[in-house]
Amino acid sequence: MRYVVLVSHGDFAPGLRSAVFMMTGPKDEVLCTNLRADMSADQFQDNFRELVAPIGDEDEVILLCDILGGSPMTKSLEVLSERGLLERSIVITGMNMPMAMTAVIMKDALEDKEMLKSTIISEAQNAVAEFQTAVDDADADDDI
C-alpha cells in the first residue's frame, strides 16, 4: 500500500488533510501530524514514529512537507530511515492543496514512482499563479 503522510509546522497539515477529505472522502492511508508551538522537535518525532507504526515493511510512503529542511521534514526522514522506509519513499516539500490532492488521487493509479513524483510536482507548480482581473478601460478613465 502507498501512504500519503502530511507534516507541517502549526495546523497546516491537519487542515490540509481535512480539506483534501472534503474533496476525496476520508482515506485511512492519508496520515498527518504537526509540530505545534508547545512541543519540541523530539516530541514531534515521537508523534511521527507512532503515526507511521502501522506502515508495513513492504509499504511505500509519499511524504509531503511544508518547507525544505524544517524540523517536521528532518525528524520525519530520521524515522523513515530508522524503519527502512526511506528508500521506498517519495519526499516532496512546498506542500499545497493541489499537491496533496494529486498525491491522494494518483498514488494508486501510477505504479511508476518517477511518473508519480513528476505528476505531483507538476500539479503543485501549475497551481501557483497570479490571478488577474480584467479592468474595463472606460471605467478606469472615469476615475481621473
Protein backbone atom coordinates (compact mmCIF):
# COMPACT_ATOMS: atom_id res chain seq x y z
CA MET A 1 0.00 0.00 0.00
CA ARG A 2 1.06 3.58 -0.58
CA TYR A 3 0.53 6.05 2.23
CA VAL A 4 0.39 9.83 1.90
CA VAL A 5 1.80 11.48 5.03
CA LEU A 6 1.48 15.24 5.56
CA VAL A 7 3.78 17.02 8.02
CA SER A 8 3.99 20.69 8.90
CA HIS A 9 4.55 23.44 11.39
CA GLY A 10 1.37 24.60 13.13
CA ASP A 11 -2.02 23.35 11.99
CA PHE A 12 -1.27 23.31 8.27
CA ALA A 13 -1.05 19.51 7.81
CA PRO A 14 -4.23 18.67 9.75
CA GLY A 15 -6.09 21.50 7.99
CA LEU A 16 -4.88 20.39 4.58
CA ARG A 17 -5.85 16.78 5.31
CA SER A 18 -9.32 17.98 6.28
CA ALA A 19 -9.62 19.98 3.04
CA VAL A 20 -8.44 17.02 0.94
CA PHE A 21 -11.00 14.79 2.65
CA MET A 22 -13.74 17.27 1.67
CA MET A 23 -12.83 16.52 -1.95
CA THR A 24 -11.92 12.81 -1.80
CA GLY A 25 -13.70 11.48 1.25
CA PRO A 26 -11.77 10.10 4.23
CA LYS A 27 -8.96 7.67 3.47
CA ASP A 28 -7.18 5.54 6.07
CA GLU A 29 -3.92 5.72 4.14
CA VAL A 30 -3.71 9.54 4.39
CA LEU A 31 -1.97 10.45 7.64
CA CYS A 32 -0.79 13.70 9.17
CA THR A 33 0.96 15.18 12.14
CA ASN A 34 2.23 18.61 13.03
CA LEU A 35 4.83 20.42 15.09
CA ARG A 36 2.89 22.69 17.43
CA ALA A 37 4.36 25.72 19.16
CA ASP A 38 4.13 23.98 22.54
CA MET A 39 6.16 20.92 21.56
CA SER A 40 9.80 20.13 20.88
CA ALA A 41 11.14 18.65 17.67
CA ASP A 42 11.78 15.43 19.59
CA GLN A 43 8.13 15.30 20.68
CA PHE A 44 7.11 15.76 17.05
CA GLN A 45 9.43 12.90 16.11
CA ASP A 46 7.84 10.64 18.72
CA ASN A 47 4.39 11.52 17.33
CA PHE A 48 5.57 10.80 13.80
CA ARG A 49 7.07 7.48 14.89
CA GLU A 50 3.73 6.47 16.41
CA LEU A 51 1.80 7.72 13.36
CA VAL A 52 3.78 5.57 10.91
CA ALA A 53 4.00 2.49 13.16
CA PRO A 54 1.21 0.69 11.24
CA ILE A 55 3.02 1.17 7.91
CA GLY A 56 4.41 -2.20 6.87
CA ASP A 57 7.90 -3.04 5.67
CA GLU A 58 6.65 -3.51 2.09
CA ASP A 59 4.55 -0.33 2.01
CA GLU A 60 5.56 2.93 0.33
CA VAL A 61 5.31 6.48 1.64
CA ILE A 62 4.66 9.78 -0.10
CA LEU A 63 5.85 12.33 2.46
CA LEU A 64 4.62 15.87 1.82
CA CYS A 65 6.31 18.56 3.93
CA ASP A 66 5.59 22.25 4.34
CA ILE A 67 9.17 23.55 4.00
CA LEU A 68 12.52 22.15 2.94
CA GLY A 69 14.82 21.48 5.88
CA GLY A 70 12.27 22.23 8.59
CA SER A 71 12.07 20.12 11.73
CA PRO A 72 8.94 18.27 10.60
CA MET A 73 10.76 17.18 7.46
CA THR A 74 14.10 16.28 9.05
CA LYS A 75 12.59 14.44 12.02
CA SER A 76 10.23 12.52 9.71
CA LEU A 77 13.14 11.50 7.49
CA GLU A 78 15.04 10.20 10.51
CA VAL A 79 12.10 7.97 11.45
CA LEU A 80 11.60 6.73 7.90
CA SER A 81 15.30 5.90 7.76
CA GLU A 82 15.14 4.05 11.11
CA ARG A 83 12.24 2.00 9.77
CA GLY A 84 13.96 1.21 6.46
CA LEU A 85 11.18 3.03 4.61
CA LEU A 86 13.23 5.90 3.22
CA GLU A 87 14.29 4.09 0.05
CA ARG A 88 10.61 3.34 -0.67
CA SER A 89 9.53 6.94 -0.10
CA ILE A 90 8.89 9.97 -2.25
CA VAL A 91 9.63 13.16 -0.31
CA ILE A 92 8.32 16.49 -1.63
CA THR A 93 8.41 19.90 0.06
CA GLY A 94 6.42 23.08 -0.53
CA MET A 95 3.16 21.29 0.21
CA ASN A 96 -0.02 22.83 -1.16
CA MET A 97 -3.60 21.71 -1.83
CA PRO A 98 -3.12 20.65 -5.48
CA MET A 99 -0.01 18.68 -4.47
CA ALA A 100 -1.86 16.85 -1.71
CA MET A 101 -4.93 16.19 -3.88
CA THR A 102 -2.82 14.79 -6.69
CA ALA A 103 -0.84 12.58 -4.32
CA VAL A 104 -4.02 11.15 -2.78
CA ILE A 105 -5.83 10.65 -6.09
CA MET A 106 -2.90 9.36 -8.16
CA LYS A 107 -0.98 7.30 -5.58
CA ASP A 108 -2.62 4.06 -6.68
CA ALA A 109 -3.13 5.00 -10.35
CA LEU A 110 0.56 5.40 -11.23
CA GLU A 111 2.84 2.47 -10.46
CA ASP A 112 5.96 4.22 -11.76
CA LYS A 113 7.37 6.27 -8.85
CA GLU A 114 9.18 8.73 -11.12
CA MET A 115 5.98 9.42 -13.07
CA LEU A 116 4.03 9.78 -9.82
CA LYS A 117 6.63 12.17 -8.41
CA SER A 118 6.71 14.34 -11.54
CA THR A 119 2.90 14.41 -11.71
CA ILE A 120 2.60 15.56 -8.10
CA ILE A 121 5.26 18.25 -8.52
CA SER A 122 3.82 19.45 -11.82
CA GLU A 123 0.33 19.87 -10.36
CA ALA A 124 1.73 21.77 -7.38
CA GLN A 125 3.77 24.11 -9.58
CA ASN A 126 0.93 24.73 -12.04
CA ALA A 127 -1.30 25.83 -9.19
CA VAL A 128 0.96 28.73 -8.29
CA ALA A 129 -0.20 31.59 -10.48
CA GLU A 130 -1.27 35.18 -10.26
CA PHE A 131 -4.97 35.78 -10.70
CA GLN A 132 -5.60 38.93 -12.66
CA THR A 133 -8.90 40.68 -13.10
CA ALA A 134 -9.79 42.47 -16.29
CA VAL A 135 -10.12 46.23 -15.92
CA ASP A 136 -12.58 47.97 -18.20
CA ASP A 137 -10.68 50.90 -19.74
CA ALA A 138 -13.85 53.02 -19.83
CA ASP A 139 -14.28 52.66 -16.08
CA ALA A 140 -10.62 53.45 -15.49
CA ASP A 141 -10.99 56.78 -17.32
CA ASP A 142 -13.91 57.79 -15.07
CA ASP A 143 -11.60 57.82 -12.06
CA ILE A 144 -9.34 60.52 -13.48
